[in-house]
Amino acid sequence: MGKHVVVGAGQVGRRLAETLREWGHEVVLVSRSGSGPESVERVAADASDRDRMTGITKGADTLYNCVNPAYHRWPRDWPPIAEALLATAETTGAGYVILGNLYVYGPPEGPMRATDPLAPSSAKAEVRARMWRQALAAHEAGRVRVTEVRGSDFFGPGCLDQSHLGTRFVPRLLEGKPVRFFGDPDQPHSWTYVPDVARALATAGTDDRAWGRAWHVPTSPALSGREVAERLCALAGVENPGVGVLPNWLIRAVGVVSPMLRELEAVRYQFVRPFVVDSSEFEDTFGVAPTPMDEALEATIAWWRQPRQTAA
C-alpha cells in the first residue's frame, strides 16, 4: 500500500480520503483549516504554497487535486493553486490526479465523451481547460504522470447548497414542499453520485492505465430533474409536491447582489438542453460501474433524514 495526498476537504476530498484509507493506504488530507475525518492524517496548508505542498507530498505515490475555490473566484484563485500542485507533482515524482468537470466541452451536441475536444465557452470554463492543457503538456514532456477525472453535477450524502440536488431539493421534497428548478426540469441530465466520484479518483490514482488522458466518472443514465424528484419521493414514501421552474429573470435580478448566482448564466446551457455523460470507457477499462440511481437516492434520503441533518 502507498501514501496518497488529497488536497481539499470538501464533499469529494473527504470521501476520497476515506475511500483510500479503507483500501489500506496511508492518507494525508490537506486543507486550509486542517479539517477532515479522524481516520486519516489532517494537515492545514495553503494549496498554492509550492514549498509547503512539496514537503507534505514527499514520498507520496499520488497527489489528488480536489480543491474547490468559490466559483466566482476561479480566474483569480485557480492559477496559483494549479501551478503549485503541478510543480509539486513534478518535484516529488508523485502521480497527479485532477478532479475536473464538464465545463471544458462547452454546449454539447450529443453525449459527452472524455475524448471530445476541449471547447470552453466561458472564462470560467477556459480556466479549467487551461489547467488540463498545462498538466497534459507536462505529462507528454515526460515531467510528470497526470490524469483528470470529470463528473457531472454531484449529488449524494454531504452535498448541500452547491448541489442542484442538495439543500434546495432533497429536504424540501421530503418535507412536502415544492422545489423550483434552475433551467428546464424536463431535459435529460446526468447526475454523478459523490461516492462514485471518490471511487473513480482512487481507481485512477492507483492504476497505471489511467495516466496521460482524461476520464469520466461512472455515471447512471440521465434523468430529468422532474424524474429525479418523482423517484426520490417514491423511494421516500412521500407525496411528490412537484417541481417548478426558477425564472431566469429572477436569477439575474438576485445575481446583482449574489456573485454565485450571477455566474450561473454561463452554465445555463447545461439545464435547458440535454446534458448527458458517456462514462462507458472508464467502466469498461477499469471494471467499475455507477451506483444504481435508486440505491444512490436511498442513501441520500437516509442521510438527510438523520436527526442532526434535519436540525441543520
Protein backbone atom coordinates (compact mmCIF):
# COMPACT_ATOMS: atom_id res chain seq x y z
CA MET A 1 0.00 0.00 0.00
CA GLY A 2 1.19 3.53 -0.68
CA LYS A 3 0.99 7.10 0.52
CA HIS A 4 -1.65 9.36 -1.01
CA VAL A 5 -2.07 13.12 -0.53
CA VAL A 6 -5.55 14.56 -1.06
CA VAL A 7 -5.81 18.36 -1.35
CA GLY A 8 -9.25 19.73 -0.50
CA ALA A 9 -11.53 18.55 2.30
CA GLY A 10 -14.87 19.28 0.65
CA GLN A 11 -17.64 16.88 -0.32
CA VAL A 12 -15.33 14.91 -2.64
CA GLY A 13 -11.94 15.25 -0.93
CA ARG A 14 -13.20 13.95 2.41
CA ARG A 15 -14.83 10.91 0.84
CA LEU A 16 -11.81 10.22 -1.35
CA ALA A 17 -9.56 10.27 1.71
CA GLU A 18 -11.88 7.81 3.48
CA THR A 19 -12.04 5.56 0.40
CA LEU A 20 -8.26 5.40 0.06
CA ARG A 21 -7.91 4.68 3.77
CA GLU A 22 -10.47 1.87 3.51
CA TRP A 23 -8.37 0.43 0.67
CA GLY A 24 -5.44 0.26 3.09
CA HIS A 25 -3.41 3.30 2.01
CA GLU A 26 -1.69 5.92 4.12
CA VAL A 27 -3.62 9.15 3.52
CA VAL A 28 -2.82 12.80 4.19
CA LEU A 29 -5.75 15.21 3.76
CA VAL A 30 -4.73 18.83 3.19
CA SER A 31 -6.97 21.87 3.59
CA ARG A 32 -6.71 25.44 4.82
CA SER A 33 -8.42 24.52 8.08
CA GLY A 34 -6.88 21.08 8.56
CA SER A 35 -10.34 19.55 8.83
CA GLY A 36 -11.46 16.07 7.80
CA PRO A 37 -12.24 12.58 9.07
CA GLU A 38 -10.23 11.34 12.06
CA SER A 39 -9.29 8.15 10.22
CA VAL A 40 -6.65 10.00 8.16
CA GLU A 41 -3.82 12.41 8.84
CA ARG A 42 -5.04 16.01 8.53
CA VAL A 43 -2.77 18.92 7.67
CA ALA A 44 -3.53 22.65 7.48
CA ALA A 45 -1.80 24.23 4.49
CA ASP A 46 -2.29 26.60 1.57
CA ALA A 47 -2.53 24.62 -1.67
CA SER A 48 -0.85 27.44 -3.58
CA ASP A 49 2.29 27.21 -1.38
CA ARG A 50 4.55 25.08 -3.58
CA ASP A 51 7.28 24.57 -0.98
CA ARG A 52 4.82 23.56 1.73
CA MET A 53 2.98 21.18 -0.59
CA THR A 54 6.26 19.66 -1.79
CA GLY A 55 7.24 18.90 1.78
CA ILE A 56 3.87 17.29 2.52
CA THR A 57 3.87 15.25 -0.70
CA LYS A 58 7.44 13.97 -0.49
CA GLY A 59 7.41 10.18 -0.73
CA ALA A 60 3.78 10.03 -1.89
CA ASP A 61 2.64 7.78 -4.72
CA THR A 62 -0.20 10.08 -5.80
CA LEU A 63 -1.34 13.68 -5.30
CA TYR A 64 -5.05 14.45 -5.79
CA ASN A 65 -6.36 17.93 -6.61
CA CYS A 66 -9.86 18.13 -5.11
CA VAL A 67 -9.69 21.85 -4.36
CA ASN A 68 -12.94 23.78 -4.85
CA PRO A 69 -12.46 27.58 -4.89
CA ALA A 70 -15.55 29.79 -4.85
CA TYR A 71 -16.97 29.66 -8.38
CA HIS A 72 -16.90 33.40 -8.98
CA ARG A 73 -13.21 33.50 -7.96
CA TRP A 74 -11.91 30.81 -10.31
CA PRO A 75 -9.90 33.16 -12.58
CA ARG A 76 -8.04 34.55 -9.58
CA ASP A 77 -7.75 31.52 -7.27
CA TRP A 78 -7.21 28.58 -9.62
CA PRO A 79 -3.99 29.52 -11.49
CA PRO A 80 -1.67 29.71 -8.45
CA ILE A 81 -3.15 26.53 -6.96
CA ALA A 82 -2.93 24.59 -10.21
CA GLU A 83 0.64 25.73 -10.88
CA ALA A 84 1.75 24.88 -7.34
CA LEU A 85 0.23 21.40 -7.36
CA LEU A 86 1.57 20.55 -10.82
CA ALA A 87 5.02 21.71 -9.72
CA THR A 88 4.69 19.66 -6.54
CA ALA A 89 3.95 16.52 -8.54
CA GLU A 90 6.89 17.18 -10.86
CA THR A 91 9.30 17.79 -7.97
CA THR A 92 8.24 14.80 -5.86
CA GLY A 93 7.53 12.32 -8.63
CA ALA A 94 4.00 11.70 -7.37
CA GLY A 95 1.31 10.90 -9.89
CA TYR A 96 -1.14 13.79 -10.24
CA VAL A 97 -4.91 13.19 -10.36
CA ILE A 98 -7.15 16.21 -11.03
CA LEU A 99 -10.84 16.34 -10.21
CA GLY A 100 -12.29 18.02 -13.31
CA ASN A 101 -15.71 18.91 -14.67
CA LEU A 102 -17.63 19.01 -17.94
CA TYR A 103 -17.43 22.78 -18.48
CA VAL A 104 -14.39 22.21 -20.70
CA TYR A 105 -16.51 20.82 -23.56
CA GLY A 106 -18.89 23.77 -23.94
CA PRO A 107 -22.52 23.22 -25.03
CA PRO A 108 -22.73 19.57 -26.18
CA GLU A 109 -24.31 18.32 -29.38
CA GLY A 110 -24.71 14.80 -28.01
CA PRO A 111 -23.46 12.56 -25.20
CA MET A 112 -20.12 13.86 -23.90
CA ARG A 113 -17.09 11.57 -24.05
CA ALA A 114 -13.76 12.06 -22.34
CA THR A 115 -12.04 12.04 -25.73
CA ASP A 116 -14.08 15.01 -27.00
CA PRO A 117 -12.04 18.12 -27.88
CA LEU A 118 -11.98 20.98 -25.40
CA ALA A 119 -14.26 23.85 -26.42
CA PRO A 120 -14.76 26.07 -23.34
CA SER A 121 -17.48 28.66 -23.85
CA SER A 122 -16.87 30.92 -20.85
CA ALA A 123 -13.99 32.47 -18.91
CA LYS A 124 -14.53 30.03 -16.03
CA ALA A 125 -14.50 27.04 -18.36
CA GLU A 126 -11.33 28.33 -20.02
CA VAL A 127 -9.62 28.36 -16.61
CA ARG A 128 -10.29 24.65 -16.18
CA ALA A 129 -9.35 23.85 -19.78
CA ARG A 130 -6.06 25.69 -19.38
CA MET A 131 -5.29 23.74 -16.21
CA TRP A 132 -5.70 20.46 -18.05
CA ARG A 133 -3.73 21.57 -21.11
CA GLN A 134 -0.79 22.59 -18.92
CA ALA A 135 -0.87 19.34 -16.94
CA LEU A 136 -1.17 17.19 -20.07
CA ALA A 137 1.72 19.06 -21.71
CA ALA A 138 3.88 18.29 -18.67
CA HIS A 139 2.91 14.63 -18.95
CA GLU A 140 3.70 14.49 -22.66
CA ALA A 141 7.07 16.10 -21.95
CA GLY A 142 7.83 13.29 -19.50
CA ARG A 143 7.97 15.54 -16.45
CA VAL A 144 5.01 14.06 -14.57
CA ARG A 145 2.21 11.46 -14.74
CA VAL A 146 -1.23 13.06 -14.87
CA THR A 147 -4.88 12.24 -15.40
CA GLU A 148 -8.13 14.15 -14.99
CA VAL A 149 -11.39 12.58 -13.82
CA ARG A 150 -14.53 14.50 -14.80
CA GLY A 151 -18.05 14.18 -13.45
CA SER A 152 -21.39 15.87 -13.98
CA ASP A 153 -23.39 17.64 -11.26
CA PHE A 154 -22.70 15.97 -7.92
CA PHE A 155 -25.34 14.62 -5.56
CA GLY A 156 -25.49 12.33 -2.57
CA PRO A 157 -24.82 12.36 1.18
CA GLY A 158 -22.98 15.52 2.20
CA CYS A 159 -23.97 17.55 -0.86
CA LEU A 160 -25.51 20.79 0.35
CA ASP A 161 -26.06 24.23 -1.19
CA GLN A 162 -23.55 23.78 -4.03
CA SER A 163 -25.53 20.85 -5.43
CA HIS A 164 -28.62 21.23 -7.61
CA LEU A 165 -29.91 18.10 -5.84
CA GLY A 166 -28.81 19.36 -2.42
CA THR A 167 -30.22 21.76 0.14
CA ARG A 168 -32.80 23.33 -2.17
CA PHE A 169 -34.03 19.99 -3.50
CA VAL A 170 -33.98 16.84 -1.35
CA PRO A 171 -35.02 18.19 2.10
CA ARG A 172 -37.80 20.30 0.60
CA LEU A 173 -39.27 17.31 -1.20
CA LEU A 174 -39.03 15.20 1.96
CA GLU A 175 -40.92 17.94 3.82
CA GLY A 176 -43.66 18.01 1.18
CA LYS A 177 -42.60 21.37 -0.23
CA PRO A 178 -42.38 22.01 -3.98
CA VAL A 179 -38.98 22.79 -5.46
CA ARG A 180 -38.03 25.30 -8.12
CA PHE A 181 -35.55 24.02 -10.64
CA PHE A 182 -32.82 26.00 -12.40
CA GLY A 183 -33.50 25.58 -16.12
CA ASP A 184 -35.88 23.11 -17.72
CA PRO A 185 -36.85 20.28 -15.31
CA ASP A 186 -37.81 18.05 -18.25
CA GLN A 187 -34.44 17.98 -20.01
CA PRO A 188 -32.36 14.79 -19.61
CA HIS A 189 -29.39 15.50 -17.35
CA SER A 190 -26.58 13.36 -15.98
CA TRP A 191 -26.11 13.32 -12.20
CA THR A 192 -22.90 11.92 -10.70
CA TYR A 193 -23.02 10.27 -7.27
CA VAL A 194 -20.26 11.55 -4.97
CA PRO A 195 -19.17 8.09 -3.67
CA ASP A 196 -18.69 7.10 -7.33
CA VAL A 197 -16.52 10.20 -7.83
CA ALA A 198 -14.31 9.21 -4.91
CA ARG A 199 -14.02 5.62 -6.14
CA ALA A 200 -13.13 6.77 -9.66
CA LEU A 201 -10.43 9.12 -8.37
CA ALA A 202 -8.97 6.41 -6.15
CA THR A 203 -9.02 3.96 -9.05
CA ALA A 204 -7.28 6.42 -11.37
CA GLY A 205 -4.63 7.17 -8.75
CA THR A 206 -3.75 3.51 -8.21
CA ASP A 207 -3.88 2.13 -11.77
CA ASP A 208 -1.18 2.97 -14.31
CA ARG A 209 -3.66 2.65 -17.17
CA ALA A 210 -5.21 5.97 -16.15
CA TRP A 211 -2.21 8.22 -16.86
CA GLY A 212 -1.97 10.57 -19.82
CA ARG A 213 -5.63 11.26 -20.56
CA ALA A 214 -8.97 12.32 -19.10
CA TRP A 215 -11.80 10.01 -17.97
CA HIS A 216 -15.45 10.32 -16.98
CA VAL A 217 -16.71 9.15 -13.60
CA PRO A 218 -19.11 6.19 -13.93
CA THR A 219 -22.49 7.91 -14.09
CA SER A 220 -26.00 6.44 -14.23
CA PRO A 221 -28.29 7.04 -17.24
CA ALA A 222 -29.54 10.63 -17.45
CA LEU A 223 -32.74 11.69 -15.72
CA SER A 224 -34.55 15.00 -15.83
CA GLY A 225 -34.93 16.99 -12.63
CA ARG A 226 -38.62 16.11 -12.57
CA GLU A 227 -37.86 12.39 -12.92
CA VAL A 228 -35.35 12.57 -10.07
CA ALA A 229 -37.98 14.20 -7.86
CA GLU A 230 -40.57 11.54 -8.74
CA ARG A 231 -38.20 8.66 -7.98
CA LEU A 232 -36.90 10.24 -4.80
CA CYS A 233 -40.41 10.80 -3.43
CA ALA A 234 -41.50 7.28 -4.34
CA LEU A 235 -38.47 5.80 -2.57
CA ALA A 236 -39.02 8.05 0.45
CA GLY A 237 -42.71 7.15 0.66
CA VAL A 238 -43.86 10.77 0.46
CA GLU A 239 -46.22 12.55 -1.88
CA ASN A 240 -44.47 14.42 -4.67
CA PRO A 241 -45.19 18.15 -4.16
CA GLY A 242 -43.99 18.97 -7.67
CA VAL A 243 -41.15 20.71 -9.46
CA GLY A 244 -41.47 24.22 -10.81
CA VAL A 245 -39.10 26.46 -12.73
CA LEU A 246 -36.87 29.13 -11.22
CA PRO A 247 -37.32 32.04 -13.66
CA ASN A 248 -34.15 33.21 -15.32
CA TRP A 249 -35.14 36.84 -14.77
CA LEU A 250 -35.21 36.19 -11.03
CA ILE A 251 -31.76 34.61 -11.10
CA ARG A 252 -30.42 37.63 -12.99
CA ALA A 253 -32.08 40.01 -10.55
CA VAL A 254 -30.69 38.28 -7.45
CA GLY A 255 -27.36 37.95 -9.23
CA VAL A 256 -26.90 41.69 -8.91
CA VAL A 257 -26.05 41.14 -5.23
CA SER A 258 -25.03 37.45 -5.32
CA PRO A 259 -21.78 36.65 -7.16
CA MET A 260 -22.57 32.92 -7.18
CA LEU A 261 -25.99 33.36 -8.82
CA ARG A 262 -24.57 35.91 -11.24
CA GLU A 263 -22.18 33.28 -12.57
CA LEU A 264 -24.92 30.71 -13.24
CA GLU A 265 -25.80 32.34 -16.55
CA ALA A 266 -22.58 30.96 -18.07
CA VAL A 267 -23.70 27.35 -17.42
CA ARG A 268 -27.40 27.76 -18.10
CA TYR A 269 -27.00 25.76 -21.33
CA GLN A 270 -26.44 22.67 -19.17
CA PHE A 271 -30.03 22.84 -17.90
CA VAL A 272 -32.05 23.96 -20.93
CA ARG A 273 -30.92 21.22 -23.33
CA PRO A 274 -29.84 17.56 -22.93
CA PHE A 275 -26.66 17.31 -20.87
CA VAL A 276 -25.60 13.67 -20.96
CA VAL A 277 -22.36 11.93 -19.96
CA ASP A 278 -20.97 8.81 -21.61
CA SER A 279 -18.77 7.10 -18.99
CA SER A 280 -18.62 3.69 -20.68
CA GLU A 281 -14.88 3.90 -21.41
CA PHE A 282 -13.94 4.18 -17.73
CA GLU A 283 -16.44 1.48 -16.82
CA ASP A 284 -15.11 -0.93 -19.47
CA THR A 285 -11.42 -0.21 -18.80
CA PHE A 286 -11.46 -0.46 -15.02
CA GLY A 287 -14.49 -2.68 -14.46
CA VAL A 288 -16.26 -0.07 -12.34
CA ALA A 289 -20.00 0.59 -12.72
CA PRO A 290 -22.00 3.52 -11.36
CA THR A 291 -24.11 3.02 -8.25
CA PRO A 292 -27.71 2.33 -9.37
CA MET A 293 -29.74 5.54 -9.16
CA ASP A 294 -32.33 4.16 -6.75
CA GLU A 295 -29.61 2.95 -4.39
CA ALA A 296 -27.90 6.34 -4.54
CA LEU A 297 -31.17 8.18 -3.89
CA GLU A 298 -32.00 5.89 -0.95
CA ALA A 299 -28.62 6.68 0.64
CA THR A 300 -29.20 10.38 0.04
CA ILE A 301 -32.65 10.24 1.63
CA ALA A 302 -31.27 8.38 4.65
CA TRP A 303 -28.54 10.98 5.10
CA TRP A 304 -30.97 13.88 5.02
CA ARG A 305 -33.27 12.11 7.46
CA GLN A 306 -30.59 11.79 10.11
CA PRO A 307 -31.68 13.87 13.16
CA ARG A 308 -28.54 16.04 13.13
CA GLN A 309 -29.05 16.84 9.45
CA THR A 310 -32.75 17.59 9.84
CA ALA A 311 -31.88 20.04 12.61
CA ALA A 312 -29.31 21.70 10.34
